[in-house]
């Protein structure tokens, strides 16, 4: 009915039911992020994870933060506006 091969259907079914292999890393990243009140980005979280004994690549931390929607609070400078009103 779905237009899938039988083996493909069962492959994806078992894959969805399997536990997440990166669950421990996700919790570690989230803990570090929340402990620092959302001020740490992936560049500062990576050394903290190395201090805790994790061996993780920078891009892995970045990818996990994006999937968890963890965005650091950054003070951005206001844009220059030369418009002078009346």
PDB file of N, CA and C in Angstrom:
ATOM      1  N   UNK A   1       0.808  -1.200   0.000  1.00  0.00           N
ATOM      2  CA  UNK A   1       0.000   0.000   0.000  1.00  0.00           C
ATOM      3  C   UNK A   1       0.855   1.270   0.000  1.00  0.00           C
ATOM      4  N   UNK A   2       1.922   1.267   0.728  1.00  0.00           N
ATOM      5  CA  UNK A   2       2.737   2.468   0.828  1.00  0.00           C
ATOM      6  C   UNK A   2       3.722   2.581  -0.337  1.00  0.00           C
ATOM      7  N   UNK A   3       3.860   1.537  -1.119  1.00  0.00           N
ATOM      8  CA  UNK A   3       4.788   1.563  -2.232  1.00  0.00           C
ATOM      9  C   UNK A   3       6.226   1.294  -1.819  1.00  0.00           C
ATOM     10  N   UNK A   4       6.411   0.738  -0.623  1.00  0.00           N
ATOM     11  CA  UNK A   4       7.742   0.390  -0.126  1.00  0.00           C
ATOM     12  C   UNK A   4       7.979  -1.104  -0.246  1.00  0.00           C
ATOM     13  N   UNK A   5       9.239  -1.452  -0.335  1.00  0.00           N
ATOM     14  CA  UNK A   5       9.585  -2.865  -0.257  1.00  0.00           C
ATOM     15  C   UNK A   5       9.360  -3.340   1.171  1.00  0.00           C
ATOM     16  N   UNK A   6       9.023  -4.600   1.335  1.00  0.00           N
ATOM     17  CA  UNK A   6       8.732  -5.157   2.657  1.00  0.00           C
ATOM     18  C   UNK A   6       9.943  -5.027   3.583  1.00  0.00           C
ATOM     19  N   UNK A   7      11.124  -5.298   3.059  1.00  0.00           N
ATOM     20  CA  UNK A   7      12.333  -5.217   3.881  1.00  0.00           C
ATOM     21  C   UNK A   7      12.604  -3.780   4.323  1.00  0.00           C
ATOM     22  N   UNK A   8      12.322  -2.822   3.455  1.00  0.00           N
ATOM     23  CA  UNK A   8      12.522  -1.411   3.804  1.00  0.00           C
ATOM     24  C   UNK A   8      11.589  -1.005   4.934  1.00  0.00           C
ATOM     25  N   UNK A   9      10.348  -1.457   4.871  1.00  0.00           N
ATOM     26  CA  UNK A   9       9.376  -1.141   5.918  1.00  0.00           C
ATOM     27  C   UNK A   9       9.845  -1.657   7.263  1.00  0.00           C
ATOM     28  N   UNK A  10      10.261  -2.905   7.317  1.00  0.00           N
ATOM     29  CA  UNK A  10      10.674  -3.492   8.594  1.00  0.00           C
ATOM     30  C   UNK A  10      12.008  -2.918   9.076  1.00  0.00           C
ATOM     31  N   UNK A  11      12.874  -2.539   8.154  1.00  0.00           N
ATOM     32  CA  UNK A  11      14.129  -1.908   8.540  1.00  0.00           C
ATOM     33  C   UNK A  11      13.852  -0.599   9.271  1.00  0.00           C
ATOM     34  N   UNK A  12      12.998   0.223   8.702  1.00  0.00           N
ATOM     35  CA  UNK A  12      12.692   1.514   9.330  1.00  0.00           C
ATOM     36  C   UNK A  12      11.882   1.350  10.607  1.00  0.00           C
ATOM     37  N   UNK A  13      11.060   0.345  10.664  1.00  0.00           N
ATOM     38  CA  UNK A  13      10.274   0.095  11.868  1.00  0.00           C
ATOM     39  C   UNK A  13      11.187  -0.259  13.040  1.00  0.00           C
ATOM     40  N   UNK A  14      12.163  -1.135  12.808  1.00  0.00           N
ATOM     41  CA  UNK A  14      13.083  -1.495  13.895  1.00  0.00           C
ATOM     42  C   UNK A  14      14.015  -0.337  14.235  1.00  0.00           C
ATOM     43  N   UNK A  15      14.361   0.462  13.245  1.00  0.00           N
ATOM     44  CA  UNK A  15      15.245   1.601  13.487  1.00  0.00           C
ATOM     45  C   UNK A  15      14.573   2.654  14.351  1.00  0.00           C
ATOM     46  N   UNK A  16      13.280   2.861  14.167  1.00  0.00           N
ATOM     47  CA  UNK A  16      12.552   3.832  14.983  1.00  0.00           C
ATOM     48  C   UNK A  16      12.381   3.357  16.421  1.00  0.00           C
ATOM     49  N   UNK A  17      12.316   2.064  16.620  1.00  0.00           N
ATOM     50  CA  UNK A  17      12.118   1.529  17.971  1.00  0.00           C
ATOM     51  C   UNK A  17      13.428   1.374  18.730  1.00  0.00           C
ATOM     52  N   UNK A  18      14.548   1.437  18.043  1.00  0.00           N
ATOM     53  CA  UNK A  18      15.852   1.271  18.694  1.00  0.00           C
ATOM     54  C   UNK A  18      16.164   2.507  19.541  1.00  0.00           C
ATOM     55  N   UNK A  19      16.904   2.325  20.644  1.00  0.00           N
ATOM     56  CA  UNK A  19      17.269   3.490  21.468  1.00  0.00           C
ATOM     57  C   UNK A  19      18.257   4.392  20.740  1.00  0.00           C
ATOM     58  N   UNK A  20      18.237   5.670  21.088  1.00  0.00           N
ATOM     59  CA  UNK A  20      19.104   6.653  20.452  1.00  0.00           C
ATOM     60  C   UNK A  20      20.545   6.452  20.928  1.00  0.00           C
ATOM     61  N   UNK A  21      21.490   6.207  20.010  1.00  0.00           N
ATOM     62  CA  UNK A  21      22.879   5.962  20.447  1.00  0.00           C
ATOM     63  C   UNK A  21      23.574   7.217  20.981  1.00  0.00           C
ATOM     64  N   UNK A  22      23.057   8.400  20.678  1.00  0.00           N
ATOM     65  CA  UNK A  22      23.694   9.632  21.133  1.00  0.00           C
ATOM     66  C   UNK A  22      22.937  10.290  22.284  1.00  0.00           C
ATOM     67  N   UNK A  23      22.110   9.537  22.963  1.00  0.00           N
ATOM     68  CA  UNK A  23      21.303  10.109  24.045  1.00  0.00           C
ATOM     69  C   UNK A  23      22.175  10.643  25.181  1.00  0.00           C
ATOM     70  N   UNK A  24      23.243   9.935  25.528  1.00  0.00           N
ATOM     71  CA  UNK A  24      24.117  10.378  26.617  1.00  0.00           C
ATOM     72  C   UNK A  24      24.838  11.669  26.241  1.00  0.00           C
ATOM     73  N   UNK A  25      25.272  11.769  24.991  1.00  0.00           N
ATOM     74  CA  UNK A  25      25.961  12.990  24.540  1.00  0.00           C
ATOM     75  C   UNK A  25      24.989  14.165  24.535  1.00  0.00           C
ATOM     76  N   UNK A  26      23.747  13.911  24.114  1.00  0.00           N
ATOM     77  CA  UNK A  26      22.738  14.972  24.082  1.00  0.00           C
ATOM     78  C   UNK A  26      22.469  15.511  25.481  1.00  0.00           C
ATOM     79  N   UNK A  27      22.372  14.620  26.461  1.00  0.00           N
ATOM     80  CA  UNK A  27      22.124  15.080  27.830  1.00  0.00           C
ATOM     81  C   UNK A  27      23.320  15.860  28.364  1.00  0.00           C
ATOM     82  N   UNK A  28      24.539  15.431  28.015  1.00  0.00           N
ATOM     83  CA  UNK A  28      25.737  16.157  28.477  1.00  0.00           C
ATOM     84  C   UNK A  28      25.775  17.562  27.873  1.00  0.00           C
ATOM     85  N   UNK A  29      25.464  17.680  26.592  1.00  0.00           N
ATOM     86  CA  UNK A  29      25.465  18.988  25.937  1.00  0.00           C
ATOM     87  C   UNK A  29      24.397  19.879  26.558  1.00  0.00           C
ATOM     88  N   UNK A  30      23.215  19.325  26.794  1.00  0.00           N
ATOM     89  CA  UNK A  30      22.117  20.101  27.373  1.00  0.00           C
ATOM     90  C   UNK A  30      22.449  20.553  28.792  1.00  0.00           C
ATOM     91  N   UNK A  31      23.082  19.681  29.587  1.00  0.00           N
ATOM     92  CA  UNK A  31      23.456  20.048  30.956  1.00  0.00           C
ATOM     93  C   UNK A  31      24.459  21.199  30.962  1.00  0.00           C
ATOM     94  N   UNK A  32      25.485  21.114  30.106  1.00  0.00           N
ATOM     95  CA  UNK A  32      26.494  22.171  30.046  1.00  0.00           C
ATOM     96  C   UNK A  32      25.848  23.478  29.601  1.00  0.00           C
ATOM     97  N   UNK A  33      24.950  23.395  28.615  1.00  0.00           N
ATOM     98  CA  UNK A  33      24.279  24.581  28.097  1.00  0.00           C
ATOM     99  C   UNK A  33      23.424  25.244  29.173  1.00  0.00           C
ATOM    100  N   UNK A  34      22.658  24.441  29.911  1.00  0.00           N
ATOM    101  CA  UNK A  34      21.779  24.996  30.939  1.00  0.00           C
ATOM    102  C   UNK A  34      22.556  25.457  32.170  1.00  0.00           C
ATOM    103  N   UNK A  35      23.658  24.777  32.481  1.00  0.00           N
ATOM    104  CA  UNK A  35      24.466  25.165  33.640  1.00  0.00           C
ATOM    105  C   UNK A  35      25.052  26.562  33.444  1.00  0.00           C
ATOM    106  N   UNK A  36      25.311  26.924  32.202  1.00  0.00           N
ATOM    107  CA  UNK A  36      25.877  28.233  31.888  1.00  0.00           C
ATOM    108  C   UNK A  36      24.821  29.212  31.399  1.00  0.00           C
ATOM    109  N   UNK A  37      23.579  28.954  31.725  1.00  0.00           N
ATOM    110  CA  UNK A  37      22.444  29.848  31.455  1.00  0.00           C
ATOM    111  C   UNK A  37      22.284  30.194  29.972  1.00  0.00           C
ATOM    112  N   UNK A  38      22.596  29.234  29.109  1.00  0.00           N
ATOM    113  CA  UNK A  38      22.397  29.436  27.682  1.00  0.00           C
ATOM    114  C   UNK A  38      23.392  30.373  27.040  1.00  0.00           C
ATOM    115  N   UNK A  39      24.515  30.609  27.693  1.00  0.00           N
ATOM    116  CA  UNK A  39      25.513  31.538  27.166  1.00  0.00           C
ATOM    117  C   UNK A  39      26.579  30.823  26.328  1.00  0.00           C
ATOM    118  N   UNK A  40      26.699  29.517  26.453  1.00  0.00           N
ATOM    119  CA  UNK A  40      27.742  28.776  25.750  1.00  0.00           C
ATOM    120  C   UNK A  40      27.246  28.284  24.401  1.00  0.00           C
ATOM    121  N   UNK A  41      28.065  28.484  23.384  1.00  0.00           N
ATOM    122  CA  UNK A  41      27.804  27.935  22.071  1.00  0.00           C
ATOM    123  C   UNK A  41      28.624  26.668  21.886  1.00  0.00           C
ATOM    124  N   UNK A  42      28.680  26.160  20.656  1.00  0.00           N
ATOM    125  CA  UNK A  42      29.385  24.900  20.430  1.00  0.00           C
ATOM    126  C   UNK A  42      30.889  25.031  20.650  1.00  0.00           C
ATOM    127  N   UNK A  43      31.444  26.216  20.451  1.00  0.00           N
ATOM    128  CA  UNK A  43      32.885  26.398  20.633  1.00  0.00           C
ATOM    129  C   UNK A  43      33.291  26.297  22.104  1.00  0.00           C
ATOM    130  N   UNK A  44      32.418  26.713  23.009  1.00  0.00           N
ATOM    131  CA  UNK A  44      32.746  26.666  24.433  1.00  0.00           C
ATOM    132  C   UNK A  44      32.258  25.385  25.082  1.00  0.00           C
ATOM    133  N   UNK A  45      31.267  24.752  24.490  1.00  0.00           N
ATOM    134  CA  UNK A  45      30.776  23.486  25.041  1.00  0.00           C
ATOM    135  C   UNK A  45      31.772  22.365  24.763  1.00  0.00           C
ATOM    136  N   UNK A  46      32.429  22.409  23.607  1.00  0.00           N
ATOM    137  CA  UNK A  46      33.377  21.350  23.242  1.00  0.00           C
ATOM    138  C   UNK A  46      34.506  21.173  24.261  1.00  0.00           C
ATOM    139  N   UNK A  47      35.216  22.237  24.692  1.00  0.00           N
ATOM    140  CA  UNK A  47      36.252  22.028  25.716  1.00  0.00           C
ATOM    141  C   UNK A  47      35.693  21.520  27.048  1.00  0.00           C
ATOM    142  N   UNK A  48      34.487  21.952  27.392  1.00  0.00           N
ATOM    143  CA  UNK A  48      33.862  21.468  28.628  1.00  0.00           C
ATOM    144  C   UNK A  48      33.606  19.957  28.538  1.00  0.00           C
ATOM    145  N   UNK A  49      33.207  19.505  27.369  1.00  0.00           N
ATOM    146  CA  UNK A  49      32.968  18.067  27.193  1.00  0.00           C
ATOM    147  C   UNK A  49      34.280  17.293  27.250  1.00  0.00           C
ATOM    148  N   UNK A  50      35.359  17.870  26.695  1.00  0.00           N
ATOM    149  CA  UNK A  50      36.661  17.216  26.773  1.00  0.00           C
ATOM    150  C   UNK A  50      37.137  17.126  28.221  1.00  0.00           C
ATOM    151  N   UNK A  51      36.834  18.154  29.023  1.00  0.00           N
ATOM    152  CA  UNK A  51      37.201  18.117  30.444  1.00  0.00           C
ATOM    153  C   UNK A  51      36.461  17.012  31.175  1.00  0.00           C
ATOM    154  N   UNK A  52      35.222  16.732  30.741  1.00  0.00           N
ATOM    155  CA  UNK A  52      34.421  15.688  31.376  1.00  0.00           C
ATOM    156  C   UNK A  52      34.771  14.291  30.860  1.00  0.00           C
ATOM    157  N   UNK A  53      35.643  14.219  29.861  1.00  0.00           N
ATOM    158  CA  UNK A  53      36.088  12.910  29.371  1.00  0.00           C
ATOM    159  C   UNK A  53      35.409  12.441  28.095  1.00  0.00           C
ATOM    160  N   UNK A  54      34.619  13.264  27.464  1.00  0.00           N
ATOM    161  CA  UNK A  54      33.976  12.901  26.206  1.00  0.00           C
ATOM    162  C   UNK A  54      34.953  13.103  25.056  1.00  0.00           C
ATOM    163  N   UNK A  55      34.897  12.214  24.074  1.00  0.00           N
ATOM    164  CA  UNK A  55      35.677  12.370  22.854  1.00  0.00           C
ATOM    165  C   UNK A  55      34.693  12.618  21.723  1.00  0.00           C
ATOM    166  N   UNK A  56      34.458  13.887  21.441  1.00  0.00           N
ATOM    167  CA  UNK A  56      33.431  14.271  20.476  1.00  0.00           C
ATOM    168  C   UNK A  56      34.034  15.295  19.522  1.00  0.00           C
ATOM    169  N   UNK A  57      33.607  15.246  18.270  1.00  0.00           N
ATOM    170  CA  UNK A  57      34.063  16.215  17.285  1.00  0.00           C
ATOM    171  C   UNK A  57      33.254  17.504  17.396  1.00  0.00           C
ATOM    172  N   UNK A  58      33.830  18.586  16.907  1.00  0.00           N
ATOM    173  CA  UNK A  58      33.170  19.894  16.972  1.00  0.00           C
ATOM    174  C   UNK A  58      31.877  19.900  16.177  1.00  0.00           C
ATOM    175  N   UNK A  59      31.912  19.292  14.998  1.00  0.00           N
ATOM    176  CA  UNK A  59      30.728  19.285  14.149  1.00  0.00           C
ATOM    177  C   UNK A  59      29.611  18.429  14.742  1.00  0.00           C
ATOM    178  N   UNK A  60      29.972  17.415  15.519  1.00  0.00           N
ATOM    179  CA  UNK A  60      28.954  16.602  16.182  1.00  0.00           C
ATOM    180  C   UNK A  60      28.218  17.422  17.223  1.00  0.00           C
ATOM    181  N   UNK A  61      28.971  18.203  18.005  1.00  0.00           N
ATOM    182  CA  UNK A  61      28.351  19.065  19.014  1.00  0.00           C
ATOM    183  C   UNK A  61      27.462  20.100  18.337  1.00  0.00           C
ATOM    184  N   UNK A  62      27.946  20.676  17.255  1.00  0.00           N
ATOM    185  CA  UNK A  62      27.166  21.667  16.516  1.00  0.00           C
ATOM    186  C   UNK A  62      25.879  21.061  15.967  1.00  0.00           C
ATOM    187  N   UNK A  63      25.974  19.865  15.410  1.00  0.00           N
ATOM    188  CA  UNK A  63      24.801  19.188  14.850  1.00  0.00           C
ATOM    189  C   UNK A  63      23.785  18.844  15.928  1.00  0.00           C
ATOM    190  N   UNK A  64      24.270  18.381  17.082  1.00  0.00           N
ATOM    191  CA  UNK A  64      23.363  18.038  18.181  1.00  0.00           C
ATOM    192  C   UNK A  64      22.686  19.284  18.746  1.00  0.00           C
ATOM    193  N   UNK A  65      23.430  20.380  18.846  1.00  0.00           N
ATOM    194  CA  UNK A  65      22.831  21.612  19.357  1.00  0.00           C
ATOM    195  C   UNK A  65      21.751  22.116  18.416  1.00  0.00           C
ATOM    196  N   UNK A  66      21.976  21.970  17.119  1.00  0.00           N
ATOM    197  CA  UNK A  66      20.950  22.382  16.163  1.00  0.00           C
ATOM    198  C   UNK A  66      19.721  21.491  16.254  1.00  0.00           C
ATOM    199  N   UNK A  67      19.937  20.183  16.421  1.00  0.00           N
ATOM    200  CA  UNK A  67      18.786  19.276  16.505  1.00  0.00           C
ATOM    201  C   UNK A  67      18.002  19.488  17.803  1.00  0.00           C
ATOM    202  N   UNK A  68      18.702  19.884  18.878  1.00  0.00           N
ATOM    203  CA  UNK A  68      18.032  20.153  20.156  1.00  0.00           C
ATOM    204  C   UNK A  68      17.529  21.591  20.251  1.00  0.00           C
ATOM    205  N   UNK A  69      17.797  22.395  19.227  1.00  0.00           N
ATOM    206  CA  UNK A  69      17.403  23.806  19.170  1.00  0.00           C
ATOM    207  C   UNK A  69      17.974  24.605  20.344  1.00  0.00           C
ATOM    208  N   UNK A  70      19.269  24.383  20.608  1.00  0.00           N
ATOM    209  CA  UNK A  70      19.966  25.124  21.651  1.00  0.00           C
ATOM    210  C   UNK A  70      20.745  26.251  20.977  1.00  0.00           C
ATOM    211  N   UNK A  71      20.303  27.472  21.174  1.00  0.00           N
ATOM    212  CA  UNK A  71      20.948  28.636  20.576  1.00  0.00           C
ATOM    213  C   UNK A  71      21.442  29.521  21.703  1.00  0.00           C
ATOM    214  N   UNK A  72      22.717  29.877  21.658  1.00  0.00           N
ATOM    215  CA  UNK A  72      23.266  30.694  22.740  1.00  0.00           C
ATOM    216  C   UNK A  72      22.794  32.134  22.612  1.00  0.00           C
ATOM    217  N   UNK A  73      22.695  32.772  23.769  1.00  0.00           N
ATOM    218  CA  UNK A  73      22.296  34.171  23.812  1.00  0.00           C
ATOM    219  C   UNK A  73      23.525  35.014  23.511  1.00  0.00           C
ATOM    220  N   UNK A  74      23.497  35.697  22.407  1.00  0.00           N
ATOM    221  CA  UNK A  74      24.630  36.525  22.007  1.00  0.00           C
ATOM    222  C   UNK A  74      24.159  37.960  21.935  1.00  0.00           C
ATOM    223  N   UNK A  75      24.960  38.853  22.513  1.00  0.00           N
ATOM    224  CA  UNK A  75      24.629  40.260  22.389  1.00  0.00           C
ATOM    225  C   UNK A  75      25.081  40.719  21.021  1.00  0.00           C
ATOM    226  N   UNK A  76      24.169  41.110  20.196  1.00  0.00           N
ATOM    227  CA  UNK A  76      24.510  41.563  18.857  1.00  0.00           C
ATOM    228  C   UNK A  76      24.514  43.092  18.845  1.00  0.00           C
ATOM    229  N   UNK A  77      25.455  43.658  18.143  1.00  0.00           N
ATOM    230  CA  UNK A  77      25.527  45.111  18.057  1.00  0.00           C
ATOM    231  C   UNK A  77      24.383  45.603  17.185  1.00  0.00           C
ATOM    232  N   UNK A  78      23.891  46.787  17.539  1.00  0.00           N
ATOM    233  CA  UNK A  78      22.825  47.373  16.736  1.00  0.00           C
ATOM    234  C   UNK A  78      23.394  47.829  15.402  1.00  0.00           C
ATOM    235  N   UNK A  79      22.586  47.716  14.401  1.00  0.00           N
ATOM    236  CA  UNK A  79      23.006  48.082  13.073  1.00  0.00           C
ATOM    237  C   UNK A  79      23.090  49.598  12.947  1.00  0.00           C
ATOM    238  N   UNK A  80      24.055  50.082  12.206  1.00  0.00           N
ATOM    239  CA  UNK A  80      24.226  51.513  12.004  1.00  0.00           C
ATOM    240  C   UNK A  80      23.077  52.033  11.141  1.00  0.00           C
ATOM    241  N   UNK A  81      22.463  53.113  11.591  1.00  0.00           N
ATOM    242  CA  UNK A  81      21.361  53.711  10.857  1.00  0.00           C
ATOM    243  C   UNK A  81      21.608  55.214  10.788  1.00  0.00           C
ATOM    244  N   UNK A  82      21.878  55.709   9.596  1.00  0.00           N
ATOM    245  CA  UNK A  82      22.193  57.126   9.452  1.00  0.00           C
ATOM    246  C   UNK A  82      20.968  57.958   9.097  1.00  0.00           C
ATOM    247  N   UNK A  83      19.807  57.306   9.120  1.00  0.00           N
ATOM    248  CA  UNK A  83      18.602  58.027   8.769  1.00  0.00           C
ATOM    249  C   UNK A  83      18.303  59.068   9.836  1.00  0.00           C
ATOM    250  N   UNK A  84      18.097  60.325   9.430  1.00  0.00           N
ATOM    251  CA  UNK A  84      17.756  61.371  10.379  1.00  0.00           C
ATOM    252  C   UNK A  84      16.343  61.852  10.068  1.00  0.00           C
ATOM    253  N   UNK A  85      15.486  61.650  11.007  1.00  0.00           N
ATOM    254  CA  UNK A  85      14.098  62.043  10.804  1.00  0.00           C
ATOM    255  C   UNK A  85      13.902  63.511  11.153  1.00  0.00           C
ATOM    256  N   UNK A  86      12.702  63.991  10.940  1.00  0.00           N
ATOM    257  CA  UNK A  86      12.403  65.399  11.195  1.00  0.00           C
ATOM    258  C   UNK A  86      12.321  65.675  12.682  1.00  0.00           C
TER     259      UNK A  86
END
